[in-house]
Amino acid sequence: MALPSLHKTYQGGTTPGDTDLVNQTIVMGDPSTTLFTIKEALVNMDQNPWTVIGSSDSTASGMDAVDRWVTSASVVYRPASLGDMSWIVLQNDAIGTTFQMLISLEDSLAGDPGRENINIAFSVTGYGAANGGTDGDTGTSPTSNGAATFSLDASNWHGAEGGADTDKVLSVIMSTDGEVTRFILSQKSTGIPVAGFGVEVPRLPSGQWDTPAVAYLFKSTAASSLSCFSWEIVQDTETFSARVKDQSGVNFETLLRFVGPMSNGSEMVDENQIGINPFFHGGHLIFDGQTAGYDWGTLFDCYWVSRAVSGAHAADLDTFPATGERAFVCVGDVVWGWLDDGATDLSYT
């Protein structure tokens, strides 16, 4: 059976000590440690890493390109209303010249007793006074000009364990051209993914899109023992966030669905190739509202996997090919492009 060719080449995030952040255990992984580890992976990619535009460690702040998240202890949640907190602004030039991601820990202890609620927002035009917003301080995160932003719901993103943190396994990958950033966070004891994140340039985006970019965060609870990469979560829940144009040409923030077939047979692998591998089925980003009814594109190296157990079914962690240079990996009901090597494996336990 022929496989589709990878659209991108991928790299694993690394720490300054060159620890490959693919299939790495975070012992008794609390949210602050996991956030710090993800940040380390993003800014230490070998090719086209994210860059720090500004940060706060709850005692000092600035939109001055200084990374104040030097250890996990620098990632501080707000203790009370209007109290000091940590935030960081990261930039990815490959998505847009001033495309930035803001991660802030704004919820107070009363509203977030398990400390798993974070804020993740994106600005096409950038954050801070230099981009028409404000620089923020230790008690307030930076703002953008407000005209080109979108955000994710990142409440209980860490498995909803309510502070009873257990070992996690983290893999952070990024395309070498910088256009695709993804991570998988899983429960070590069960091997179940509890969070899957991506911020990406879509493949074959609609011409209506000024700065094509989409972000998503799949979530499931550790207690449920359900993979966050399930058909029901990814397709039936609108979790893909973006800024697109409505039919009158006005830009606005909206939620998209990633839809596709879930049966086996001769179906489309992607928009331009007839599927000859029964495991791979392409998906599309669509919005089914009345004001933006376009096909907005698809995702690079991301497919639905067949659930047909009689002859065409891939199991979690199956790789394609099964040995040698592995280009794809099955994660729940999704197949992702992988590192295309024979040494690095994606494993949750």
C-alpha atoms as a PDB file:
ATOM      1  CA  MET A   1       0.000   0.000   0.000  1.00  0.00           C
ATOM      2  CA  ALA A   2       1.423   3.361  -0.985  1.00  0.00           C
ATOM      3  CA  LEU A   3       1.746   6.118   1.563  1.00  0.00           C
ATOM      4  CA  PRO A   4       1.256   9.824   0.867  1.00  0.00           C
ATOM      5  CA  SER A   5       4.452  11.814   0.785  1.00  0.00           C
ATOM      6  CA  LEU A   6       5.232  14.074   3.717  1.00  0.00           C
ATOM      7  CA  HIS A   7       4.434  17.697   2.959  1.00  0.00           C
ATOM      8  CA  LYS A   8       6.938  18.880   5.575  1.00  0.00           C
ATOM      9  CA  THR A   9      10.054  17.684   7.368  1.00  0.00           C
ATOM     10  CA  TYR A  10       9.872  17.723  11.177  1.00  0.00           C
ATOM     11  CA  GLN A  11      12.203  18.293  14.108  1.00  0.00           C
ATOM     12  CA  GLY A  12      11.888  17.571  17.814  1.00  0.00           C
ATOM     13  CA  GLY A  13      12.154  20.348  20.361  1.00  0.00           C
ATOM     14  CA  THR A  14      15.326  20.389  22.425  1.00  0.00           C
ATOM     15  CA  THR A  15      16.502  21.921  25.665  1.00  0.00           C
ATOM     16  CA  PRO A  16      19.715  23.967  25.859  1.00  0.00           C
ATOM     17  CA  GLY A  17      21.410  20.761  27.031  1.00  0.00           C
ATOM     18  CA  ASP A  18      20.293  19.064  23.804  1.00  0.00           C
ATOM     19  CA  THR A  19      17.782  16.746  25.456  1.00  0.00           C
ATOM     20  CA  ASP A  20      15.380  15.732  22.707  1.00  0.00           C
ATOM     21  CA  LEU A  21      11.881  16.709  23.844  1.00  0.00           C
ATOM     22  CA  VAL A  22      10.174  13.826  22.096  1.00  0.00           C
ATOM     23  CA  ASN A  23       8.762  11.107  24.336  1.00  0.00           C
ATOM     24  CA  GLN A  24      10.193  12.714  27.479  1.00  0.00           C
ATOM     25  CA  THR A  25       8.798  11.983  30.938  1.00  0.00           C
ATOM     26  CA  ILE A  26       7.932  14.885  33.233  1.00  0.00           C
ATOM     27  CA  VAL A  27       8.025  13.327  36.690  1.00  0.00           C
ATOM     28  CA  MET A  28       4.956  14.270  38.738  1.00  0.00           C
ATOM     29  CA  GLY A  29       4.342  16.790  36.009  1.00  0.00           C
ATOM     30  CA  ASP A  30       2.663  19.878  37.384  1.00  0.00           C
ATOM     31  CA  PRO A  31       1.321  22.476  34.911  1.00  0.00           C
ATOM     32  CA  SER A  32       4.114  24.997  35.590  1.00  0.00           C
ATOM     33  CA  THR A  33       6.825  22.442  34.844  1.00  0.00           C
ATOM     34  CA  THR A  34       5.059  21.312  31.686  1.00  0.00           C
ATOM     35  CA  LEU A  35       4.606  24.893  30.450  1.00  0.00           C
ATOM     36  CA  PHE A  36       8.258  25.673  31.082  1.00  0.00           C
ATOM     37  CA  THR A  37       9.330  22.511  29.242  1.00  0.00           C
ATOM     38  CA  ILE A  38       7.145  23.371  26.242  1.00  0.00           C
ATOM     39  CA  LYS A  39       8.598  26.891  26.125  1.00  0.00           C
ATOM     40  CA  GLU A  40      12.120  25.450  26.239  1.00  0.00           C
ATOM     41  CA  ALA A  41      11.311  23.177  23.318  1.00  0.00           C
ATOM     42  CA  LEU A  42       9.874  25.983  21.192  1.00  0.00           C
ATOM     43  CA  VAL A  43      12.751  28.447  21.647  1.00  0.00           C
ATOM     44  CA  ASN A  44      15.463  25.804  21.222  1.00  0.00           C
ATOM     45  CA  MET A  45      14.415  24.228  17.935  1.00  0.00           C
ATOM     46  CA  ASP A  46      17.384  23.723  15.645  1.00  0.00           C
ATOM     47  CA  GLN A  47      15.665  25.448  12.720  1.00  0.00           C
ATOM     48  CA  ASN A  48      13.313  28.456  12.808  1.00  0.00           C
ATOM     49  CA  PRO A  49      12.633  28.433  16.571  1.00  0.00           C
ATOM     50  CA  TRP A  50      10.043  30.652  18.240  1.00  0.00           C
ATOM     51  CA  THR A  51      11.636  33.795  19.690  1.00  0.00           C
ATOM     52  CA  VAL A  52      10.835  35.566  22.957  1.00  0.00           C
ATOM     53  CA  ILE A  53       9.411  39.082  22.491  1.00  0.00           C
ATOM     54  CA  GLY A  54       8.687  39.742  26.166  1.00  0.00           C
ATOM     55  CA  SER A  55       7.967  38.013  29.469  1.00  0.00           C
ATOM     56  CA  SER A  56       7.085  38.264  33.123  1.00  0.00           C
ATOM     57  CA  ASP A  57       8.192  35.991  35.967  1.00  0.00           C
ATOM     58  CA  SER A  58       5.799  37.780  38.396  1.00  0.00           C
ATOM     59  CA  THR A  59       8.577  39.967  39.838  1.00  0.00           C
ATOM     60  CA  ALA A  60       9.886  41.648  36.669  1.00  0.00           C
ATOM     61  CA  SER A  61       8.458  42.120  33.210  1.00  0.00           C
ATOM     62  CA  GLY A  62       9.084  43.783  29.873  1.00  0.00           C
ATOM     63  CA  MET A  63       8.488  43.584  26.140  1.00  0.00           C
ATOM     64  CA  ASP A  64      12.237  43.647  25.740  1.00  0.00           C
ATOM     65  CA  ALA A  65      13.090  40.247  24.190  1.00  0.00           C
ATOM     66  CA  VAL A  66      14.203  38.955  27.600  1.00  0.00           C
ATOM     67  CA  ASP A  67      13.202  35.399  28.524  1.00  0.00           C
ATOM     68  CA  ARG A  68      12.465  35.502  32.255  1.00  0.00           C
ATOM     69  CA  TRP A  69      11.150  31.932  32.279  1.00  0.00           C
ATOM     70  CA  VAL A  70      14.512  30.547  33.358  1.00  0.00           C
ATOM     71  CA  THR A  71      13.156  27.624  35.415  1.00  0.00           C
ATOM     72  CA  SER A  72       9.745  26.185  36.168  1.00  0.00           C
ATOM     73  CA  ALA A  73       9.731  28.345  39.322  1.00  0.00           C
ATOM     74  CA  SER A  74       9.510  31.371  36.991  1.00  0.00           C
ATOM     75  CA  VAL A  75       6.096  30.192  35.789  1.00  0.00           C
ATOM     76  CA  VAL A  76       3.911  31.711  38.515  1.00  0.00           C
ATOM     77  CA  TYR A  77       0.113  31.666  38.675  1.00  0.00           C
ATOM     78  CA  ARG A  78      -1.792  34.675  39.941  1.00  0.00           C
ATOM     79  CA  PRO A  79      -2.459  34.098  43.673  1.00  0.00           C
ATOM     80  CA  ALA A  80      -5.387  36.519  43.962  1.00  0.00           C
ATOM     81  CA  SER A  81      -7.359  38.995  41.917  1.00  0.00           C
ATOM     82  CA  LEU A  82      -4.990  41.494  40.237  1.00  0.00           C
ATOM     83  CA  GLY A  83      -1.988  39.753  41.837  1.00  0.00           C
ATOM     84  CA  ASP A  84       1.357  39.335  40.079  1.00  0.00           C
ATOM     85  CA  MET A  85       1.739  36.518  37.575  1.00  0.00           C
ATOM     86  CA  SER A  86       3.854  35.156  34.741  1.00  0.00           C
ATOM     87  CA  TRP A  87       3.300  35.590  31.024  1.00  0.00           C
ATOM     88  CA  ILE A  88       5.356  35.208  27.867  1.00  0.00           C
ATOM     89  CA  VAL A  89       5.056  36.437  24.282  1.00  0.00           C
ATOM     90  CA  LEU A  90       6.600  34.264  21.565  1.00  0.00           C
ATOM     91  CA  GLN A  91       6.938  35.143  17.880  1.00  0.00           C
ATOM     92  CA  ASN A  92       6.932  32.881  14.819  1.00  0.00           C
ATOM     93  CA  ASP A  93       8.072  34.716  11.681  1.00  0.00           C
ATOM     94  CA  ALA A  94       7.245  31.735   9.461  1.00  0.00           C
ATOM     95  CA  ILE A  95       3.510  32.149  10.112  1.00  0.00           C
ATOM     96  CA  GLY A  96       3.543  35.937   9.790  1.00  0.00           C
ATOM     97  CA  THR A  97       6.024  38.789  10.125  1.00  0.00           C
ATOM     98  CA  THR A  98       4.546  39.817  13.475  1.00  0.00           C
ATOM     99  CA  PHE A  99       2.604  36.649  14.363  1.00  0.00           C
ATOM    100  CA  GLN A 100       2.824  36.228  18.136  1.00  0.00           C
ATOM    101  CA  MET A 101       1.469  33.889  20.810  1.00  0.00           C
ATOM    102  CA  LEU A 102       0.710  35.096  24.342  1.00  0.00           C
ATOM    103  CA  ILE A 103       0.590  32.595  27.215  1.00  0.00           C
ATOM    104  CA  SER A 104      -0.518  34.092  30.527  1.00  0.00           C
ATOM    105  CA  LEU A 105      -1.459  32.711  33.944  1.00  0.00           C
ATOM    106  CA  GLU A 106      -4.198  35.186  34.805  1.00  0.00           C
ATOM    107  CA  ASP A 107      -6.785  33.171  36.738  1.00  0.00           C
ATOM    108  CA  SER A 108      -6.731  33.704  40.488  1.00  0.00           C
ATOM    109  CA  LEU A 109      -6.348  30.822  42.923  1.00  0.00           C
ATOM    110  CA  ALA A 110     -10.057  31.021  43.752  1.00  0.00           C
ATOM    111  CA  GLY A 111     -10.986  30.515  40.114  1.00  0.00           C
ATOM    112  CA  ASP A 112      -8.305  27.942  39.387  1.00  0.00           C
ATOM    113  CA  PRO A 113      -7.588  25.872  42.513  1.00  0.00           C
ATOM    114  CA  GLY A 114      -5.950  23.077  40.494  1.00  0.00           C
ATOM    115  CA  ARG A 115      -3.759  25.639  38.654  1.00  0.00           C
ATOM    116  CA  GLU A 116      -4.536  24.160  35.241  1.00  0.00           C
ATOM    117  CA  ASN A 117      -6.178  27.197  33.638  1.00  0.00           C
ATOM    118  CA  ILE A 118      -4.037  29.280  31.308  1.00  0.00           C
ATOM    119  CA  ASN A 119      -4.773  31.854  28.643  1.00  0.00           C
ATOM    120  CA  ILE A 120      -3.466  31.311  25.108  1.00  0.00           C
ATOM    121  CA  ALA A 121      -4.039  34.049  22.538  1.00  0.00           C
ATOM    122  CA  PHE A 122      -2.569  34.956  19.158  1.00  0.00           C
ATOM    123  CA  SER A 123      -2.119  38.226  17.327  1.00  0.00           C
ATOM    124  CA  VAL A 124      -1.394  38.571  13.641  1.00  0.00           C
ATOM    125  CA  THR A 125      -0.099  42.119  14.197  1.00  0.00           C
ATOM    126  CA  GLY A 126       1.799  41.487  17.459  1.00  0.00           C
ATOM    127  CA  TYR A 127       1.524  42.554  21.093  1.00  0.00           C
ATOM    128  CA  GLY A 128       2.881  45.532  22.998  1.00  0.00           C
ATOM    129  CA  ALA A 129       3.063  49.289  22.614  1.00  0.00           C
ATOM    130  CA  ALA A 130       5.262  48.932  19.542  1.00  0.00           C
ATOM    131  CA  ASN A 131       2.353  47.219  17.776  1.00  0.00           C
ATOM    132  CA  GLY A 132      -0.451  49.509  18.933  1.00  0.00           C
ATOM    133  CA  GLY A 133      -1.232  47.720  22.200  1.00  0.00           C
ATOM    134  CA  THR A 134       0.189  47.897  25.721  1.00  0.00           C
ATOM    135  CA  ASP A 135       3.305  46.317  27.205  1.00  0.00           C
ATOM    136  CA  GLY A 136       1.659  45.025  30.370  1.00  0.00           C
ATOM    137  CA  ASP A 137       3.468  44.502  33.673  1.00  0.00           C
ATOM    138  CA  THR A 138       3.727  41.833  36.360  1.00  0.00           C
ATOM    139  CA  GLY A 139       0.009  42.109  37.079  1.00  0.00           C
ATOM    140  CA  THR A 140      -1.280  42.613  33.543  1.00  0.00           C
ATOM    141  CA  SER A 141      -0.473  40.772  30.336  1.00  0.00           C
ATOM    142  CA  PRO A 142       0.358  42.713  27.152  1.00  0.00           C
ATOM    143  CA  THR A 143      -2.368  43.599  24.659  1.00  0.00           C
ATOM    144  CA  SER A 144      -2.502  43.961  20.889  1.00  0.00           C
ATOM    145  CA  ASN A 145      -4.301  46.595  18.862  1.00  0.00           C
ATOM    146  CA  GLY A 146      -7.300  44.278  19.106  1.00  0.00           C
ATOM    147  CA  ALA A 147      -7.946  44.089  15.381  1.00  0.00           C
ATOM    148  CA  ALA A 148      -6.361  40.756  14.499  1.00  0.00           C
ATOM    149  CA  THR A 149      -6.485  38.382  17.450  1.00  0.00           C
ATOM    150  CA  PHE A 150      -7.895  34.950  18.271  1.00  0.00           C
ATOM    151  CA  SER A 151      -7.641  32.677  21.296  1.00  0.00           C
ATOM    152  CA  LEU A 152      -8.070  29.157  22.677  1.00  0.00           C
ATOM    153  CA  ASP A 153      -9.944  27.753  25.650  1.00  0.00           C
ATOM    154  CA  ALA A 154      -7.072  26.341  27.732  1.00  0.00           C
ATOM    155  CA  SER A 155      -8.932  25.664  30.961  1.00  0.00           C
ATOM    156  CA  ASN A 156      -8.082  22.291  32.536  1.00  0.00           C
ATOM    157  CA  TRP A 157      -5.629  21.683  29.698  1.00  0.00           C
ATOM    158  CA  HIS A 158      -3.385  19.419  31.779  1.00  0.00           C
ATOM    159  CA  GLY A 159      -5.741  16.492  32.360  1.00  0.00           C
ATOM    160  CA  ALA A 160      -7.985  18.114  34.998  1.00  0.00           C
ATOM    161  CA  GLU A 161      -6.303  16.367  37.921  1.00  0.00           C
ATOM    162  CA  GLY A 162      -7.099  19.183  40.333  1.00  0.00           C
ATOM    163  CA  GLY A 163      -3.564  19.516  41.670  1.00  0.00           C
ATOM    164  CA  ALA A 164      -3.019  15.769  42.175  1.00  0.00           C
ATOM    165  CA  ASP A 165      -0.378  15.789  39.452  1.00  0.00           C
ATOM    166  CA  THR A 166       1.029  12.557  38.055  1.00  0.00           C
ATOM    167  CA  ASP A 167       3.807  11.706  35.605  1.00  0.00           C
ATOM    168  CA  LYS A 168       3.279  13.009  32.079  1.00  0.00           C
ATOM    169  CA  VAL A 169       4.976  12.311  28.755  1.00  0.00           C
ATOM    170  CA  LEU A 170       5.616  15.205  26.379  1.00  0.00           C
ATOM    171  CA  SER A 171       6.515  15.334  22.692  1.00  0.00           C
ATOM    172  CA  VAL A 172       7.020  18.671  20.930  1.00  0.00           C
ATOM    173  CA  ILE A 173       7.572  18.724  17.168  1.00  0.00           C
ATOM    174  CA  MET A 174       7.827  21.492  14.615  1.00  0.00           C
ATOM    175  CA  SER A 175       8.283  21.600  10.859  1.00  0.00           C
ATOM    176  CA  THR A 176      11.775  22.700   9.902  1.00  0.00           C
ATOM    177  CA  ASP A 177      10.321  25.654   7.981  1.00  0.00           C
ATOM    178  CA  GLY A 178       8.554  26.831  11.156  1.00  0.00           C
ATOM    179  CA  GLU A 179       5.030  26.732   9.728  1.00  0.00           C
ATOM    180  CA  VAL A 180       3.722  23.852  11.887  1.00  0.00           C
ATOM    181  CA  THR A 181       4.122  23.563  15.679  1.00  0.00           C
ATOM    182  CA  ARG A 182       2.498  20.665  17.588  1.00  0.00           C
ATOM    183  CA  PHE A 183       2.732  18.950  20.938  1.00  0.00           C
ATOM    184  CA  ILE A 184       1.218  15.875  22.577  1.00  0.00           C
ATOM    185  CA  LEU A 185       0.897  15.555  26.356  1.00  0.00           C
ATOM    186  CA  SER A 186      -0.093  12.148  27.691  1.00  0.00           C
ATOM    187  CA  GLN A 187      -0.709  10.346  30.937  1.00  0.00           C
ATOM    188  CA  LYS A 188       2.305   8.114  31.571  1.00  0.00           C
ATOM    189  CA  SER A 189       0.414   5.525  33.626  1.00  0.00           C
ATOM    190  CA  THR A 190      -2.194   4.847  30.953  1.00  0.00           C
ATOM    191  CA  GLY A 191      -0.567   5.958  27.717  1.00  0.00           C
ATOM    192  CA  ILE A 192      -3.590   8.155  26.965  1.00  0.00           C
ATOM    193  CA  PRO A 193      -3.083  11.611  25.357  1.00  0.00           C
ATOM    194  CA  VAL A 194      -4.772  14.300  27.471  1.00  0.00           C
ATOM    195  CA  ALA A 195      -3.737  17.346  25.412  1.00  0.00           C
ATOM    196  CA  GLY A 196      -2.877  17.935  21.787  1.00  0.00           C
ATOM    197  CA  PHE A 197      -1.893  21.400  20.575  1.00  0.00           C
ATOM    198  CA  GLY A 198      -1.112  22.958  17.242  1.00  0.00           C
ATOM    199  CA  VAL A 199      -0.591  26.391  15.719  1.00  0.00           C
ATOM    200  CA  GLU A 200      -0.074  26.162  11.989  1.00  0.00           C
ATOM    201  CA  VAL A 201      -0.212  27.623   8.530  1.00  0.00           C
ATOM    202  CA  PRO A 202      -2.992  25.709   6.755  1.00  0.00           C
ATOM    203  CA  ARG A 203      -2.320  23.832   3.548  1.00  0.00           C
ATOM    204  CA  LEU A 204      -4.066  25.221   0.443  1.00  0.00           C
ATOM    205  CA  PRO A 205      -5.768  28.023   2.405  1.00  0.00           C
ATOM    206  CA  SER A 206      -8.693  29.946   0.999  1.00  0.00           C
ATOM    207  CA  GLY A 207      -7.741  33.073  -0.885  1.00  0.00           C
ATOM    208  CA  GLN A 208     -10.062  34.952   1.494  1.00  0.00           C
ATOM    209  CA  TRP A 209      -7.514  34.511   4.298  1.00  0.00           C
ATOM    210  CA  ASP A 210      -5.218  37.516   4.890  1.00  0.00           C
ATOM    211  CA  THR A 211      -2.751  35.768   7.222  1.00  0.00           C
ATOM    212  CA  PRO A 212      -3.544  32.039   7.137  1.00  0.00           C
ATOM    213  CA  ALA A 213      -3.099  30.640  10.635  1.00  0.00           C
ATOM    214  CA  VAL A 214      -5.103  28.226  12.745  1.00  0.00           C
ATOM    215  CA  ALA A 215      -4.678  27.008  16.326  1.00  0.00           C
ATOM    216  CA  TYR A 216      -6.244  24.177  18.289  1.00  0.00           C
ATOM    217  CA  LEU A 217      -6.074  22.504  21.691  1.00  0.00           C
ATOM    218  CA  PHE A 218      -7.707  19.105  22.108  1.00  0.00           C
ATOM    219  CA  LYS A 219      -8.329  18.155  25.734  1.00  0.00           C
ATOM    220  CA  SER A 220      -9.532  15.179  27.740  1.00  0.00           C
ATOM    221  CA  THR A 221      -9.433  14.424  31.466  1.00  0.00           C
ATOM    222  CA  ALA A 222      -6.987  11.948  32.941  1.00  0.00           C
ATOM    223  CA  ALA A 223      -9.854  10.344  34.858  1.00  0.00           C
ATOM    224  CA  SER A 224     -11.855   9.633  31.695  1.00  0.00           C
ATOM    225  CA  SER A 225      -9.090   7.483  30.133  1.00  0.00           C
ATOM    226  CA  LEU A 226     -10.245   8.821  26.756  1.00  0.00           C
ATOM    227  CA  SER A 227      -7.803  10.050  24.127  1.00  0.00           C
ATOM    228  CA  CYS A 228      -8.108  13.732  23.274  1.00  0.00           C
ATOM    229  CA  PHE A 229      -7.446  12.717  19.648  1.00  0.00           C
ATOM    230  CA  SER A 230     -10.911  11.279  19.105  1.00  0.00           C
ATOM    231  CA  TRP A 231     -13.279  11.796  16.224  1.00  0.00           C
ATOM    232  CA  GLU A 232     -15.960  13.107  18.584  1.00  0.00           C
ATOM    233  CA  ILE A 233     -13.686  15.775  20.092  1.00  0.00           C
ATOM    234  CA  VAL A 234     -11.819  16.831  16.978  1.00  0.00           C
ATOM    235  CA  GLN A 235     -14.744  16.958  14.572  1.00  0.00           C
ATOM    236  CA  ASP A 236     -17.890  17.326  16.648  1.00  0.00           C
ATOM    237  CA  THR A 237     -16.474  19.993  18.992  1.00  0.00           C
ATOM    238  CA  GLU A 238     -15.414  23.231  17.319  1.00  0.00           C
ATOM    239  CA  THR A 239     -11.922  23.584  18.699  1.00  0.00           C
ATOM    240  CA  PHE A 240      -9.974  25.125  15.801  1.00  0.00           C
ATOM    241  CA  SER A 241      -9.620  28.888  16.215  1.00  0.00           C
ATOM    242  CA  ALA A 242      -8.674  31.395  13.529  1.00  0.00           C
ATOM    243  CA  ARG A 243      -9.316  34.836  12.061  1.00  0.00           C
ATOM    244  CA  VAL A 244     -11.030  34.634   8.690  1.00  0.00           C
ATOM    245  CA  LYS A 245     -13.212  36.862   6.500  1.00  0.00           C
ATOM    246  CA  ASP A 246     -16.949  36.753   6.324  1.00  0.00           C
ATOM    247  CA  GLN A 247     -18.766  37.037   3.028  1.00  0.00           C
ATOM    248  CA  SER A 248     -18.688  40.826   3.185  1.00  0.00           C
ATOM    249  CA  GLY A 249     -14.903  40.842   3.541  1.00  0.00           C
ATOM    250  CA  VAL A 250     -14.766  41.684   7.259  1.00  0.00           C
ATOM    251  CA  ASN A 251     -12.138  39.882   9.367  1.00  0.00           C
ATOM    252  CA  PHE A 252     -13.385  38.210  12.550  1.00  0.00           C
ATOM    253  CA  GLU A 253     -12.440  35.505  15.029  1.00  0.00           C
ATOM    254  CA  THR A 254     -14.232  32.222  14.518  1.00  0.00           C
ATOM    255  CA  LEU A 255     -14.120  28.515  15.238  1.00  0.00           C
ATOM    256  CA  LEU A 256     -13.585  25.974  12.473  1.00  0.00           C
ATOM    257  CA  ARG A 257     -14.204  22.239  12.251  1.00  0.00           C
ATOM    258  CA  PHE A 258     -11.742  19.674  10.889  1.00  0.00           C
ATOM    259  CA  VAL A 259     -14.005  17.262   9.044  1.00  0.00           C
ATOM    260  CA  GLY A 260     -13.437  14.151   6.982  1.00  0.00           C
ATOM    261  CA  PRO A 261     -14.625  10.618   6.221  1.00  0.00           C
ATOM    262  CA  MET A 262     -14.312   7.793   8.733  1.00  0.00           C
ATOM    263  CA  SER A 263     -14.767   4.734   6.551  1.00  0.00           C
ATOM    264  CA  ASN A 264     -12.369   2.641   4.561  1.00  0.00           C
ATOM    265  CA  GLY A 265     -12.132   2.295   0.836  1.00  0.00           C
ATOM    266  CA  SER A 266     -10.957   4.355  -2.114  1.00  0.00           C
ATOM    267  CA  GLU A 267     -11.307   7.812  -0.596  1.00  0.00           C
ATOM    268  CA  MET A 268      -9.338  10.987  -1.001  1.00  0.00           C
ATOM    269  CA  VAL A 269      -5.997  11.183   0.795  1.00  0.00           C
ATOM    270  CA  ASP A 270      -5.871  14.916   0.228  1.00  0.00           C
ATOM    271  CA  GLU A 271      -7.233  17.468  -2.205  1.00  0.00           C
ATOM    272  CA  ASN A 272      -5.107  16.421  -5.158  1.00  0.00           C
ATOM    273  CA  GLN A 273      -4.398  12.728  -4.674  1.00  0.00           C
ATOM    274  CA  ILE A 274      -6.747   9.741  -4.844  1.00  0.00           C
ATOM    275  CA  GLY A 275      -6.307   7.630  -1.733  1.00  0.00           C
ATOM    276  CA  ILE A 276      -4.768   4.219  -2.236  1.00  0.00           C
ATOM    277  CA  ASN A 277      -3.964   3.611   1.430  1.00  0.00           C
ATOM    278  CA  PRO A 278      -7.048   2.617   3.434  1.00  0.00           C
ATOM    279  CA  PHE A 279      -5.693   4.150   6.656  1.00  0.00           C
ATOM    280  CA  PHE A 280      -5.440   7.741   5.450  1.00  0.00           C
ATOM    281  CA  HIS A 281      -8.382  10.043   4.814  1.00  0.00           C
ATOM    282  CA  GLY A 282      -8.025  13.776   4.282  1.00  0.00           C
ATOM    283  CA  GLY A 283      -9.876  16.432   6.240  1.00  0.00           C
ATOM    284  CA  HIS A 284     -10.938  20.013   5.638  1.00  0.00           C
ATOM    285  CA  LEU A 285     -11.236  23.113   7.789  1.00  0.00           C
ATOM    286  CA  ILE A 286     -14.760  24.451   7.420  1.00  0.00           C
ATOM    287  CA  PHE A 287     -17.056  26.889   9.173  1.00  0.00           C
ATOM    288  CA  ASP A 288     -20.713  26.009   8.915  1.00  0.00           C
ATOM    289  CA  GLY A 289     -22.113  29.382   9.892  1.00  0.00           C
ATOM    290  CA  GLN A 290     -23.939  31.611   7.436  1.00  0.00           C
ATOM    291  CA  THR A 291     -21.353  34.386   7.281  1.00  0.00           C
ATOM    292  CA  ALA A 292     -18.168  32.489   6.393  1.00  0.00           C
ATOM    293  CA  GLY A 293     -19.174  29.345   4.539  1.00  0.00           C
ATOM    294  CA  TYR A 294     -15.861  28.657   2.873  1.00  0.00           C
ATOM    295  CA  ASP A 295     -13.572  25.663   2.714  1.00  0.00           C
ATOM    296  CA  TRP A 296     -10.602  27.249   4.481  1.00  0.00           C
ATOM    297  CA  GLY A 297      -8.029  24.579   3.586  1.00  0.00           C
ATOM    298  CA  THR A 298      -6.637  21.565   5.376  1.00  0.00           C
ATOM    299  CA  LEU A 299      -3.672  20.702   7.629  1.00  0.00           C
ATOM    300  CA  PHE A 300      -0.224  19.623   6.566  1.00  0.00           C
ATOM    301  CA  ASP A 301       0.482  15.928   7.192  1.00  0.00           C
ATOM    302  CA  CYS A 302      -2.673  15.401   9.237  1.00  0.00           C
ATOM    303  CA  TYR A 303      -5.251  12.760   8.328  1.00  0.00           C
ATOM    304  CA  TRP A 304      -8.140  10.820   9.772  1.00  0.00           C
ATOM    305  CA  VAL A 305      -7.471   7.121  10.301  1.00  0.00           C
ATOM    306  CA  SER A 306     -10.042   4.488   9.409  1.00  0.00           C
ATOM    307  CA  ARG A 307     -11.946   2.907  12.285  1.00  0.00           C
ATOM    308  CA  ALA A 308     -12.954  -0.087  10.165  1.00  0.00           C
ATOM    309  CA  VAL A 309     -11.490  -2.938  12.209  1.00  0.00           C
ATOM    310  CA  SER A 310     -12.204  -5.506   9.463  1.00  0.00           C
ATOM    311  CA  GLY A 311      -9.150  -5.026   7.320  1.00  0.00           C
ATOM    312  CA  ALA A 312      -8.279  -1.346   7.596  1.00  0.00           C
ATOM    313  CA  HIS A 313      -7.701  -0.088  11.093  1.00  0.00           C
ATOM    314  CA  ALA A 314      -4.679   1.574  12.668  1.00  0.00           C
ATOM    315  CA  ALA A 315      -4.043   1.371  16.401  1.00  0.00           C
ATOM    316  CA  ASP A 316      -2.560   4.021  18.656  1.00  0.00           C
ATOM    317  CA  LEU A 317       1.201   4.366  18.043  1.00  0.00           C
ATOM    318  CA  ASP A 318       1.180   2.392  14.795  1.00  0.00           C
ATOM    319  CA  THR A 319       3.760   3.941  12.503  1.00  0.00           C
ATOM    320  CA  PHE A 320       3.813   4.126   8.718  1.00  0.00           C
ATOM    321  CA  PRO A 321       5.866   2.380   7.590  1.00  0.00           C
ATOM    322  CA  ALA A 322       5.951  -0.002  10.556  1.00  0.00           C
ATOM    323  CA  THR A 323       9.761  -0.117  10.598  1.00  0.00           C
ATOM    324  CA  GLY A 324      12.642   1.853   9.193  1.00  0.00           C
ATOM    325  CA  GLU A 325      12.173   5.516   8.317  1.00  0.00           C
ATOM    326  CA  ARG A 326       8.811   6.194   9.956  1.00  0.00           C
ATOM    327  CA  ALA A 327       7.027   9.091   8.293  1.00  0.00           C
ATOM    328  CA  PHE A 328       3.646   8.980  10.074  1.00  0.00           C
ATOM    329  CA  VAL A 329       2.292   7.950  13.467  1.00  0.00           C
ATOM    330  CA  CYS A 330      -1.258   7.086  14.514  1.00  0.00           C
ATOM    331  CA  VAL A 331      -2.473   9.141  17.484  1.00  0.00           C
ATOM    332  CA  GLY A 332      -5.995   8.144  18.436  1.00  0.00           C
ATOM    333  CA  ASP A 333      -8.213   8.781  15.402  1.00  0.00           C
ATOM    334  CA  VAL A 334      -5.619  11.017  13.742  1.00  0.00           C
ATOM    335  CA  VAL A 335      -2.457  10.300  11.757  1.00  0.00           C
ATOM    336  CA  TRP A 336       0.293  12.913  12.089  1.00  0.00           C
ATOM    337  CA  GLY A 337       3.427  13.467  10.062  1.00  0.00           C
ATOM    338  CA  TRP A 338       6.410  12.360  12.112  1.00  0.00           C
ATOM    339  CA  LEU A 339      10.186  12.697  12.193  1.00  0.00           C
ATOM    340  CA  ASP A 340      10.834  10.329   9.267  1.00  0.00           C
ATOM    341  CA  ASP A 341      13.633   8.466  10.994  1.00  0.00           C
ATOM    342  CA  GLY A 342      14.262   4.995  12.372  1.00  0.00           C
ATOM    343  CA  ALA A 343      15.465   6.013  15.831  1.00  0.00           C
ATOM    344  CA  THR A 344      12.898   8.327  17.410  1.00  0.00           C
ATOM    345  CA  ASP A 345       9.651   6.652  18.386  1.00  0.00           C
ATOM    346  CA  LEU A 346       6.489   8.213  19.733  1.00  0.00           C
ATOM    347  CA  SER A 347       5.519   6.367  22.885  1.00  0.00           C
ATOM    348  CA  TYR A 348       3.356   7.432  25.809  1.00  0.00           C
ATOM    349  CA  THR A 349       4.623   5.102  28.538  1.00  0.00           C
END
